[in-house]
Amino acid sequence: MLTPTPSSIRPSTRPPARPAVQPTAGPERPAAPESPSAPAPAARVRGFGRWAAEPTPATVPLIRSRVRSVLDGWAVAAEIADLLLLAVSELVGNVVLHAAGAGRLRVGISLRGGWLLLEVADGAPSLPRLPHPRDEPDQDAEHGRGLLIVHLMAAEAGGRLSVRADEFGKSVRVRVPVA
């Protein structure tokens, strides 16, 4: 389980190679297992985790690690956890590549009603083009396949990929069933 750390306006005292990620928490926490040795079934657990960070390359593995910790705490099946961890890498990486100048990125993950929702948001107004499953990726391109891969994997798991715009920028969401 993640524990919130106090945020500060002062510069971080961490080494410069490690990005400043500020976890935030709300009133819901993952439910405690009924016994210390047996994890609670993922469908009964409710909770969320949220983080904000500067979009730098070092942020990608840090956010991925935080999301992994939350998924492990919720005892999410390995296939679904792998899908969400790939989605985190791709979506946070896209913010680093395409929206780094648009302010902090925000990442949230929630588990409610048997569904996991991963949301990666940034302040850039431009929306990514959601891939169509029949799109043919350019085999020689260095970029452009991440959203298609995430879209196909989410669809295969019974979920979906979506984009939402608001007055603060945009968010890309991956929603998948827990089981």
Protein backbone atom coordinates (compact mmCIF):
# COMPACT_ATOMS: atom_id res chain seq x y z
CA MET A 1 0.00 0.00 0.00
CA LEU A 2 1.23 3.47 -0.76
CA THR A 3 1.44 5.97 2.00
CA PRO A 4 0.98 9.63 1.23
CA THR A 5 3.94 11.89 1.73
CA PRO A 6 3.58 15.56 2.51
CA SER A 7 3.91 17.75 -0.53
CA SER A 8 5.96 20.87 -0.38
CA ILE A 9 6.36 23.99 -2.48
CA ARG A 10 10.08 23.94 -1.79
CA PRO A 11 12.34 22.13 -4.29
CA SER A 12 12.79 18.44 -3.72
CA THR A 13 15.80 17.29 -1.72
CA ARG A 14 15.99 14.10 -3.79
CA PRO A 15 18.86 13.62 -6.20
CA PRO A 16 18.17 15.24 -9.60
CA ALA A 17 18.08 11.88 -11.44
CA ARG A 18 14.96 10.84 -9.55
CA PRO A 19 11.82 12.75 -10.58
CA ALA A 20 9.57 14.31 -7.97
CA VAL A 21 6.41 12.23 -7.79
CA GLN A 22 3.83 13.31 -5.31
CA PRO A 23 1.32 10.62 -4.36
CA THR A 24 -2.10 11.79 -3.34
CA ALA A 25 -4.69 9.76 -1.59
CA GLY A 26 -8.38 9.99 -0.99
CA PRO A 27 -10.82 8.61 1.50
CA GLU A 28 -10.94 5.15 -0.11
CA ARG A 29 -8.13 2.74 0.63
CA PRO A 30 -7.69 -0.86 -0.47
CA ALA A 31 -9.56 -3.10 1.93
CA ALA A 32 -7.43 -5.14 4.31
CA PRO A 33 -7.36 -8.88 3.74
CA GLU A 34 -9.60 -10.89 6.02
CA SER A 35 -6.61 -12.87 7.25
CA PRO A 36 -2.96 -11.84 7.13
CA SER A 37 -1.96 -14.83 5.00
CA ALA A 38 -4.74 -14.69 2.36
CA PRO A 39 -5.21 -11.70 0.07
CA ALA A 40 -8.73 -10.37 -0.41
CA PRO A 41 -10.36 -11.26 -3.72
CA ALA A 42 -9.67 -8.43 -6.16
CA ALA A 43 -13.36 -8.02 -7.06
CA ARG A 44 -14.19 -7.07 -3.45
CA VAL A 45 -11.37 -4.57 -3.01
CA ARG A 46 -12.08 -0.92 -3.64
CA GLY A 47 -9.50 1.78 -3.78
CA PHE A 48 -7.36 4.11 -5.78
CA GLY A 49 -3.92 5.58 -6.14
CA ARG A 50 -2.96 8.90 -7.71
CA TRP A 51 0.36 10.51 -8.51
CA ALA A 52 1.56 13.72 -10.15
CA ALA A 53 5.01 14.22 -11.63
CA GLU A 54 7.08 16.20 -14.06
CA PRO A 55 7.06 14.38 -17.42
CA THR A 56 10.67 13.23 -17.69
CA PRO A 57 12.03 9.90 -18.96
CA ALA A 58 12.89 8.88 -15.38
CA THR A 59 9.23 9.27 -14.43
CA VAL A 60 8.14 6.30 -16.55
CA PRO A 61 9.74 3.51 -14.47
CA LEU A 62 8.95 5.30 -11.21
CA ILE A 63 5.22 5.56 -11.96
CA ARG A 64 5.23 1.99 -13.28
CA SER A 65 6.76 0.81 -9.99
CA ARG A 66 4.13 2.66 -7.96
CA VAL A 67 1.29 1.20 -10.04
CA ARG A 68 2.84 -2.27 -9.70
CA SER A 69 2.84 -1.90 -5.91
CA VAL A 70 -0.84 -0.98 -5.89
CA LEU A 71 -1.79 -3.85 -8.23
CA ASP A 72 0.19 -6.29 -6.08
CA GLY A 73 -1.63 -5.03 -3.00
CA TRP A 74 -4.96 -5.62 -4.72
CA ALA A 75 -3.89 -9.15 -5.78
CA VAL A 76 -4.73 -8.43 -9.42
CA ALA A 77 -4.22 -11.39 -11.78
CA ALA A 78 -0.82 -11.37 -13.51
CA GLU A 79 -2.26 -11.04 -17.04
CA ILE A 80 -4.30 -7.95 -16.12
CA ALA A 81 -1.44 -6.45 -14.10
CA ASP A 82 0.93 -6.93 -17.06
CA LEU A 83 -1.56 -5.25 -19.38
CA LEU A 84 -1.89 -2.24 -17.08
CA LEU A 85 1.86 -1.98 -16.53
CA LEU A 86 2.43 -1.96 -20.29
CA ALA A 87 -0.29 0.69 -20.58
CA VAL A 88 1.40 2.80 -17.89
CA SER A 89 4.73 2.61 -19.73
CA GLU A 90 3.17 3.51 -23.08
CA LEU A 91 0.86 6.28 -21.86
CA VAL A 92 3.33 7.98 -19.51
CA GLY A 93 5.99 7.62 -22.23
CA ASN A 94 3.64 9.35 -24.68
CA VAL A 95 3.23 12.28 -22.29
CA VAL A 96 7.02 12.53 -21.96
CA LEU A 97 7.42 12.49 -25.76
CA HIS A 98 4.48 14.60 -26.84
CA ALA A 99 3.29 16.78 -23.95
CA ALA A 100 6.31 17.41 -21.73
CA GLY A 101 5.90 21.18 -22.06
CA ALA A 102 2.28 21.10 -20.92
CA GLY A 103 2.95 20.89 -17.18
CA ARG A 104 2.76 18.00 -14.77
CA LEU A 105 1.32 14.65 -15.70
CA ARG A 106 -1.21 12.94 -13.49
CA VAL A 107 -1.70 9.20 -13.18
CA GLY A 108 -4.53 7.50 -11.37
CA ILE A 109 -5.60 3.92 -10.92
CA SER A 110 -8.82 2.79 -9.34
CA LEU A 111 -10.55 -0.47 -8.60
CA ARG A 112 -14.28 -0.42 -8.19
CA GLY A 113 -17.09 -2.78 -9.04
CA GLY A 114 -14.84 -5.38 -10.63
CA TRP A 115 -13.21 -2.90 -13.02
CA LEU A 116 -9.72 -1.39 -13.04
CA LEU A 117 -9.36 2.09 -14.49
CA LEU A 118 -5.98 3.55 -15.38
CA GLU A 119 -5.97 7.23 -16.29
CA VAL A 120 -2.97 9.23 -17.53
CA ALA A 121 -3.62 12.94 -17.92
CA ASP A 122 -1.63 15.96 -19.07
CA GLY A 123 -2.27 19.62 -19.80
CA ALA A 124 -1.79 19.46 -23.57
CA PRO A 125 -4.96 20.24 -25.54
CA SER A 126 -4.13 18.03 -28.54
CA LEU A 127 -5.82 14.65 -28.53
CA PRO A 128 -4.08 11.51 -29.73
CA ARG A 129 -5.70 9.66 -32.61
CA LEU A 130 -7.17 6.50 -31.20
CA PRO A 131 -6.10 3.54 -33.29
CA HIS A 132 -8.50 1.36 -35.18
CA PRO A 133 -7.87 -2.37 -34.70
CA ARG A 134 -7.45 -2.78 -38.47
CA ASP A 135 -4.79 -0.05 -38.66
CA GLU A 136 -1.58 -1.32 -40.21
CA PRO A 137 1.36 -0.03 -38.16
CA ASP A 138 4.37 1.21 -40.05
CA GLN A 139 6.96 -1.50 -39.41
CA ASP A 140 9.86 0.96 -39.82
CA ALA A 141 8.45 3.70 -37.58
CA GLU A 142 10.09 4.27 -34.22
CA HIS A 143 6.83 5.55 -32.72
CA GLY A 144 3.12 5.12 -33.23
CA ARG A 145 2.37 1.57 -32.15
CA GLY A 146 1.92 2.00 -28.39
CA LEU A 147 -1.71 3.10 -28.38
CA LEU A 148 -2.60 0.39 -30.88
CA ILE A 149 -0.98 -2.28 -28.70
CA VAL A 150 -2.71 -1.00 -25.56
CA HIS A 151 -6.03 -0.76 -27.44
CA LEU A 152 -5.78 -4.35 -28.73
CA MET A 153 -4.73 -5.78 -25.36
CA ALA A 154 -7.51 -3.94 -23.51
CA ALA A 155 -10.10 -5.12 -26.04
CA GLU A 156 -8.85 -8.70 -25.79
CA ALA A 157 -9.27 -8.53 -22.00
CA GLY A 158 -12.85 -7.23 -22.37
CA GLY A 159 -11.95 -3.59 -21.73
CA ARG A 160 -11.42 -0.45 -23.71
CA LEU A 161 -9.14 2.51 -24.39
CA SER A 162 -10.65 6.00 -24.48
CA VAL A 163 -9.64 9.66 -24.54
CA ARG A 164 -11.35 12.48 -22.70
CA ALA A 165 -10.71 16.19 -23.07
CA ASP A 166 -11.58 18.86 -20.53
CA GLU A 167 -10.57 22.40 -19.62
CA PHE A 168 -7.35 21.12 -18.01
CA GLY A 169 -6.08 19.11 -20.99
CA LYS A 170 -6.74 15.48 -21.78
CA SER A 171 -6.72 12.06 -20.22
CA VAL A 172 -6.22 8.68 -21.81
CA ARG A 173 -8.02 5.88 -20.01
CA VAL A 174 -7.73 2.12 -20.01
CA ARG A 175 -10.60 0.25 -18.39
CA VAL A 176 -10.41 -3.53 -17.93
CA PRO A 177 -12.30 -6.09 -15.88
CA VAL A 178 -10.42 -7.43 -12.86
CA ALA A 179 -11.20 -11.09 -13.56
